[in-house]
Amino acid sequence: MQHKAKKFSTRAKVVTSVAALVAVGVGVVGAVSASADTPAAAPAAAVAAVKDKAATTSTHLTIEAATDAAQAALKAAQKEGQQVTVAVVDRNGNTIVTLRGDGAGPQSYDSAIRKAYTAVSWNAPTSQLVKRLESAPTLKDIPNTLFLAGGAPVAYNHAPIAAVGVAGAPSGDLDEKFAQAGVAAISNGR
């Protein structure tokens, strides 16, 4: 019996060639992707040089600690029948947590954040910073600051890492008392 070879049509040849190219292409892309997921090993000396000369380490308040501080400050205000907003900011002044108490005035939200920002910027309670305005009145022109009592810094090894700001009570002294209750919650490990 004679075996006849079938001739492939031009169309069949093109389809087969394209299928083969696709299979090879998928293999190449997979290999490139796999190697891209594995970072190239940097020389140990380069990594050490970066760590020693160009990197810094900082301590940040955890979200749990910030939440504990905000809740403690709000609870202290509620015990005295005050309707306030509490804000906790990180070392860079970015808001971590904000709690607006029931009935707190609309101005209290922004004021609490700005008091916290001011306290962390100078690592001092805002009640102390208000006194500095007498000798340096242009301090109040710095954007996002608010020189009213009610902000208290949170420090770790004497360096500011966060701050608690409270606004809405009838006096800054009360706001700051509640902010200090928030800081104490962190210090006491709650």
C-alpha atoms as a PDB file:
ATOM      1  CA  MET A   1       0.000   0.000   0.000  1.00  0.00           C
ATOM      2  CA  GLN A   2       1.300   3.289  -0.974  1.00  0.00           C
ATOM      3  CA  HIS A   3       1.256   6.106   1.536  1.00  0.00           C
ATOM      4  CA  LYS A   4       0.316   9.373   0.012  1.00  0.00           C
ATOM      5  CA  ALA A   5       1.587  12.510   1.669  1.00  0.00           C
ATOM      6  CA  LYS A   6      -1.060  15.105   2.053  1.00  0.00           C
ATOM      7  CA  LYS A   7      -0.248  18.547   0.857  1.00  0.00           C
ATOM      8  CA  PHE A   8      -1.010  21.316   3.293  1.00  0.00           C
ATOM      9  CA  SER A   9      -2.794  24.319   1.974  1.00  0.00           C
ATOM     10  CA  THR A  10      -1.245  27.740   2.326  1.00  0.00           C
ATOM     11  CA  ARG A  11      -3.864  28.584   4.884  1.00  0.00           C
ATOM     12  CA  ALA A  12      -2.979  25.536   7.014  1.00  0.00           C
ATOM     13  CA  LYS A  13       0.716  26.433   6.832  1.00  0.00           C
ATOM     14  CA  VAL A  14       0.033  30.014   8.018  1.00  0.00           C
ATOM     15  CA  VAL A  15      -2.202  28.873  10.890  1.00  0.00           C
ATOM     16  CA  THR A  16       0.361  26.295  12.014  1.00  0.00           C
ATOM     17  CA  SER A  17       3.203  28.837  11.847  1.00  0.00           C
ATOM     18  CA  VAL A  18       1.257  31.420  13.841  1.00  0.00           C
ATOM     19  CA  ALA A  19       0.381  28.838  16.506  1.00  0.00           C
ATOM     20  CA  ALA A  20       4.043  27.859  16.813  1.00  0.00           C
ATOM     21  CA  LEU A  21       5.127  31.510  17.143  1.00  0.00           C
ATOM     22  CA  VAL A  22       2.504  32.148  19.832  1.00  0.00           C
ATOM     23  CA  ALA A  23       3.703  29.133  21.834  1.00  0.00           C
ATOM     24  CA  VAL A  24       7.313  30.312  21.659  1.00  0.00           C
ATOM     25  CA  GLY A  25       6.271  33.880  22.547  1.00  0.00           C
ATOM     26  CA  VAL A  26       4.358  32.731  25.631  1.00  0.00           C
ATOM     27  CA  GLY A  27       7.392  30.776  26.770  1.00  0.00           C
ATOM     28  CA  VAL A  28       9.676  33.799  26.366  1.00  0.00           C
ATOM     29  CA  VAL A  29       7.267  36.138  28.156  1.00  0.00           C
ATOM     30  CA  GLY A  30       6.931  33.662  31.020  1.00  0.00           C
ATOM     31  CA  ALA A  31      10.692  33.396  31.368  1.00  0.00           C
ATOM     32  CA  VAL A  32      11.119  37.173  31.331  1.00  0.00           C
ATOM     33  CA  SER A  33       8.316  37.635  33.883  1.00  0.00           C
ATOM     34  CA  ALA A  34       9.797  35.015  36.177  1.00  0.00           C
ATOM     35  CA  SER A  35      13.188  36.692  36.097  1.00  0.00           C
ATOM     36  CA  ALA A  36      11.603  40.120  36.693  1.00  0.00           C
ATOM     37  CA  ASP A  37      10.018  38.878  39.926  1.00  0.00           C
ATOM     38  CA  THR A  38      13.421  37.966  41.315  1.00  0.00           C
ATOM     39  CA  PRO A  39      15.401  41.142  42.048  1.00  0.00           C
ATOM     40  CA  ALA A  40      19.011  41.131  41.076  1.00  0.00           C
ATOM     41  CA  ALA A  41      21.313  40.717  44.018  1.00  0.00           C
ATOM     42  CA  ALA A  42      23.052  43.990  44.871  1.00  0.00           C
ATOM     43  CA  PRO A  43      26.604  43.898  46.067  1.00  0.00           C
ATOM     44  CA  ALA A  44      26.795  43.833  49.860  1.00  0.00           C
ATOM     45  CA  ALA A  45      29.063  46.882  49.930  1.00  0.00           C
ATOM     46  CA  ALA A  46      26.496  48.951  48.036  1.00  0.00           C
ATOM     47  CA  VAL A  47      23.717  48.020  50.474  1.00  0.00           C
ATOM     48  CA  ALA A  48      25.903  48.810  53.493  1.00  0.00           C
ATOM     49  CA  ALA A  49      26.967  52.149  51.994  1.00  0.00           C
ATOM     50  CA  VAL A  50      23.360  53.196  51.507  1.00  0.00           C
ATOM     51  CA  LYS A  51      22.401  52.198  55.034  1.00  0.00           C
ATOM     52  CA  ASP A  52      25.373  53.954  56.577  1.00  0.00           C
ATOM     53  CA  LYS A  53      25.238  57.203  54.629  1.00  0.00           C
ATOM     54  CA  ALA A  54      21.858  57.801  53.043  1.00  0.00           C
ATOM     55  CA  ALA A  55      19.213  56.090  55.127  1.00  0.00           C
ATOM     56  CA  THR A  56      17.485  56.936  58.338  1.00  0.00           C
ATOM     57  CA  THR A  57      15.186  55.069  60.646  1.00  0.00           C
ATOM     58  CA  SER A  58      12.212  56.610  62.368  1.00  0.00           C
ATOM     59  CA  THR A  59       9.667  55.501  64.915  1.00  0.00           C
ATOM     60  CA  HIS A  60       5.987  55.782  64.115  1.00  0.00           C
ATOM     61  CA  LEU A  61       2.880  55.504  66.219  1.00  0.00           C
ATOM     62  CA  THR A  62       0.821  52.443  65.342  1.00  0.00           C
ATOM     63  CA  ILE A  63      -2.773  52.763  64.224  1.00  0.00           C
ATOM     64  CA  GLU A  64      -3.808  50.884  67.380  1.00  0.00           C
ATOM     65  CA  ALA A  65      -1.977  53.335  69.640  1.00  0.00           C
ATOM     66  CA  ALA A  66      -3.355  56.319  67.715  1.00  0.00           C
ATOM     67  CA  THR A  67      -6.880  54.934  68.011  1.00  0.00           C
ATOM     68  CA  ASP A  68      -6.417  54.288  71.730  1.00  0.00           C
ATOM     69  CA  ALA A  69      -5.213  57.862  72.210  1.00  0.00           C
ATOM     70  CA  ALA A  70      -8.128  59.339  70.273  1.00  0.00           C
ATOM     71  CA  GLN A  71     -10.679  57.232  72.132  1.00  0.00           C
ATOM     72  CA  ALA A  72      -9.160  58.105  75.521  1.00  0.00           C
ATOM     73  CA  ALA A  73      -9.228  61.822  74.741  1.00  0.00           C
ATOM     74  CA  LEU A  74     -12.832  61.639  73.513  1.00  0.00           C
ATOM     75  CA  LYS A  75     -13.864  59.618  76.561  1.00  0.00           C
ATOM     76  CA  ALA A  76     -12.231  62.164  78.907  1.00  0.00           C
ATOM     77  CA  ALA A  77     -14.176  64.954  77.200  1.00  0.00           C
ATOM     78  CA  GLN A  78     -17.451  63.019  77.326  1.00  0.00           C
ATOM     79  CA  LYS A  79     -17.009  62.416  81.073  1.00  0.00           C
ATOM     80  CA  GLU A  80     -17.043  66.192  81.497  1.00  0.00           C
ATOM     81  CA  GLY A  81     -19.975  66.666  79.140  1.00  0.00           C
ATOM     82  CA  GLN A  82     -17.860  68.252  76.380  1.00  0.00           C
ATOM     83  CA  GLN A  83     -18.500  67.783  72.671  1.00  0.00           C
ATOM     84  CA  VAL A  84     -15.139  67.711  70.909  1.00  0.00           C
ATOM     85  CA  THR A  85     -13.242  66.378  67.948  1.00  0.00           C
ATOM     86  CA  VAL A  86      -9.964  64.534  68.473  1.00  0.00           C
ATOM     87  CA  ALA A  87      -7.219  64.146  65.883  1.00  0.00           C
ATOM     88  CA  VAL A  88      -3.986  62.174  66.039  1.00  0.00           C
ATOM     89  CA  VAL A  89      -1.266  62.990  63.514  1.00  0.00           C
ATOM     90  CA  ASP A  90       2.034  61.267  62.751  1.00  0.00           C
ATOM     91  CA  ARG A  91       5.501  62.803  62.855  1.00  0.00           C
ATOM     92  CA  ASN A  92       4.965  64.375  59.438  1.00  0.00           C
ATOM     93  CA  GLY A  93       1.645  65.929  60.427  1.00  0.00           C
ATOM     94  CA  ASN A  94      -0.425  63.442  58.445  1.00  0.00           C
ATOM     95  CA  THR A  95      -3.706  62.505  60.090  1.00  0.00           C
ATOM     96  CA  ILE A  96      -3.804  58.956  61.445  1.00  0.00           C
ATOM     97  CA  VAL A  97      -7.151  59.047  63.271  1.00  0.00           C
ATOM     98  CA  THR A  98      -9.912  61.617  63.693  1.00  0.00           C
ATOM     99  CA  LEU A  99     -12.939  61.108  65.927  1.00  0.00           C
ATOM    100  CA  ARG A 100     -15.697  63.694  65.864  1.00  0.00           C
ATOM    101  CA  GLY A 101     -17.774  63.385  68.990  1.00  0.00           C
ATOM    102  CA  ASP A 102     -21.532  63.624  68.904  1.00  0.00           C
ATOM    103  CA  GLY A 103     -22.534  67.277  68.764  1.00  0.00           C
ATOM    104  CA  ALA A 104     -19.028  68.636  68.143  1.00  0.00           C
ATOM    105  CA  GLY A 105     -19.056  71.896  66.217  1.00  0.00           C
ATOM    106  CA  PRO A 106     -18.091  72.008  62.548  1.00  0.00           C
ATOM    107  CA  GLN A 107     -14.986  74.106  63.236  1.00  0.00           C
ATOM    108  CA  SER A 108     -13.631  71.521  65.672  1.00  0.00           C
ATOM    109  CA  TYR A 109     -12.634  69.012  62.996  1.00  0.00           C
ATOM    110  CA  ASP A 110     -10.088  71.218  61.229  1.00  0.00           C
ATOM    111  CA  SER A 111      -9.004  72.857  64.481  1.00  0.00           C
ATOM    112  CA  ALA A 112      -8.161  69.512  66.130  1.00  0.00           C
ATOM    113  CA  ILE A 113      -6.010  68.479  63.177  1.00  0.00           C
ATOM    114  CA  ARG A 114      -4.216  71.827  63.078  1.00  0.00           C
ATOM    115  CA  LYS A 115      -3.564  71.792  66.837  1.00  0.00           C
ATOM    116  CA  ALA A 116      -2.071  68.298  66.574  1.00  0.00           C
ATOM    117  CA  TYR A 117       0.029  69.371  63.575  1.00  0.00           C
ATOM    118  CA  THR A 118       1.323  72.386  65.476  1.00  0.00           C
ATOM    119  CA  ALA A 119       2.197  70.319  68.564  1.00  0.00           C
ATOM    120  CA  VAL A 120       4.150  67.701  66.613  1.00  0.00           C
ATOM    121  CA  SER A 121       5.926  70.346  64.525  1.00  0.00           C
ATOM    122  CA  TRP A 122       7.464  71.966  67.611  1.00  0.00           C
ATOM    123  CA  ASN A 123       7.337  68.977  69.989  1.00  0.00           C
ATOM    124  CA  ALA A 124       5.555  71.121  72.546  1.00  0.00           C
ATOM    125  CA  PRO A 125       2.035  71.522  73.867  1.00  0.00           C
ATOM    126  CA  THR A 126       0.238  74.246  71.952  1.00  0.00           C
ATOM    127  CA  SER A 127      -0.486  76.118  75.195  1.00  0.00           C
ATOM    128  CA  GLN A 128       3.279  76.726  75.482  1.00  0.00           C
ATOM    129  CA  LEU A 129       3.517  77.702  71.845  1.00  0.00           C
ATOM    130  CA  VAL A 130       0.826  80.371  72.283  1.00  0.00           C
ATOM    131  CA  LYS A 131       3.230  82.168  74.628  1.00  0.00           C
ATOM    132  CA  ARG A 132       5.955  82.145  71.938  1.00  0.00           C
ATOM    133  CA  LEU A 133       3.744  84.266  69.710  1.00  0.00           C
ATOM    134  CA  GLU A 134       4.470  87.252  71.947  1.00  0.00           C
ATOM    135  CA  SER A 135       8.113  87.253  70.864  1.00  0.00           C
ATOM    136  CA  ALA A 136       7.607  85.786  67.376  1.00  0.00           C
ATOM    137  CA  PRO A 137       4.159  86.812  66.101  1.00  0.00           C
ATOM    138  CA  THR A 138       4.845  85.605  62.556  1.00  0.00           C
ATOM    139  CA  LEU A 139       4.807  81.969  63.737  1.00  0.00           C
ATOM    140  CA  LYS A 140       1.046  82.041  63.279  1.00  0.00           C
ATOM    141  CA  ASP A 141       1.585  82.621  59.541  1.00  0.00           C
ATOM    142  CA  ILE A 142       3.010  79.132  59.028  1.00  0.00           C
ATOM    143  CA  PRO A 143       0.477  77.129  56.989  1.00  0.00           C
ATOM    144  CA  ASN A 144      -1.739  74.563  58.750  1.00  0.00           C
ATOM    145  CA  THR A 145      -0.740  75.652  62.264  1.00  0.00           C
ATOM    146  CA  LEU A 146      -3.081  76.774  64.999  1.00  0.00           C
ATOM    147  CA  PHE A 147      -1.654  78.409  68.097  1.00  0.00           C
ATOM    148  CA  LEU A 148      -4.451  77.653  70.526  1.00  0.00           C
ATOM    149  CA  ALA A 149      -4.229  75.350  73.523  1.00  0.00           C
ATOM    150  CA  GLY A 150      -5.388  71.813  72.800  1.00  0.00           C
ATOM    151  CA  GLY A 151      -2.468  70.061  71.117  1.00  0.00           C
ATOM    152  CA  ALA A 152      -0.098  67.680  72.907  1.00  0.00           C
ATOM    153  CA  PRO A 153       2.936  65.956  71.379  1.00  0.00           C
ATOM    154  CA  VAL A 154       3.744  62.263  71.685  1.00  0.00           C
ATOM    155  CA  ALA A 155       7.477  61.637  72.040  1.00  0.00           C
ATOM    156  CA  TYR A 156       9.653  58.548  71.873  1.00  0.00           C
ATOM    157  CA  ASN A 157      13.204  58.935  73.193  1.00  0.00           C
ATOM    158  CA  HIS A 158      12.588  62.697  73.424  1.00  0.00           C
ATOM    159  CA  ALA A 159      11.752  62.962  69.708  1.00  0.00           C
ATOM    160  CA  PRO A 160       8.237  63.752  68.479  1.00  0.00           C
ATOM    161  CA  ILE A 161       6.516  60.863  66.717  1.00  0.00           C
ATOM    162  CA  ALA A 162       2.894  62.046  66.815  1.00  0.00           C
ATOM    163  CA  ALA A 163       0.505  64.463  68.488  1.00  0.00           C
ATOM    164  CA  VAL A 164      -3.042  64.554  69.786  1.00  0.00           C
ATOM    165  CA  GLY A 165      -5.194  67.584  69.060  1.00  0.00           C
ATOM    166  CA  VAL A 166      -8.575  68.331  70.632  1.00  0.00           C
ATOM    167  CA  ALA A 167     -10.980  71.119  69.745  1.00  0.00           C
ATOM    168  CA  GLY A 168     -14.523  72.041  70.670  1.00  0.00           C
ATOM    169  CA  ALA A 169     -14.506  72.513  74.439  1.00  0.00           C
ATOM    170  CA  PRO A 170     -15.285  76.024  75.712  1.00  0.00           C
ATOM    171  CA  SER A 171     -11.611  76.620  76.589  1.00  0.00           C
ATOM    172  CA  GLY A 172      -8.241  75.615  75.243  1.00  0.00           C
ATOM    173  CA  ASP A 173      -7.239  74.457  78.710  1.00  0.00           C
ATOM    174  CA  LEU A 174      -9.968  71.814  78.603  1.00  0.00           C
ATOM    175  CA  ASP A 175      -9.020  70.811  75.060  1.00  0.00           C
ATOM    176  CA  GLU A 176      -5.437  70.350  76.139  1.00  0.00           C
ATOM    177  CA  LYS A 177      -6.451  68.421  79.256  1.00  0.00           C
ATOM    178  CA  PHE A 178      -8.313  65.966  77.004  1.00  0.00           C
ATOM    179  CA  ALA A 179      -5.388  65.787  74.561  1.00  0.00           C
ATOM    180  CA  GLN A 180      -3.084  64.950  77.489  1.00  0.00           C
ATOM    181  CA  ALA A 181      -5.493  62.135  78.442  1.00  0.00           C
ATOM    182  CA  GLY A 182      -4.924  60.746  74.957  1.00  0.00           C
ATOM    183  CA  VAL A 183      -1.152  60.955  75.320  1.00  0.00           C
ATOM    184  CA  ALA A 184      -1.392  59.297  78.742  1.00  0.00           C
ATOM    185  CA  ALA A 185      -3.301  56.371  77.212  1.00  0.00           C
ATOM    186  CA  ILE A 186      -0.306  55.706  74.968  1.00  0.00           C
ATOM    187  CA  SER A 187       2.199  56.196  77.783  1.00  0.00           C
ATOM    188  CA  ASN A 188       0.249  53.815  80.024  1.00  0.00           C
ATOM    189  CA  GLY A 189       0.161  51.206  77.296  1.00  0.00           C
ATOM    190  CA  ARG A 190      -3.602  51.048  76.824  1.00  0.00           C
END
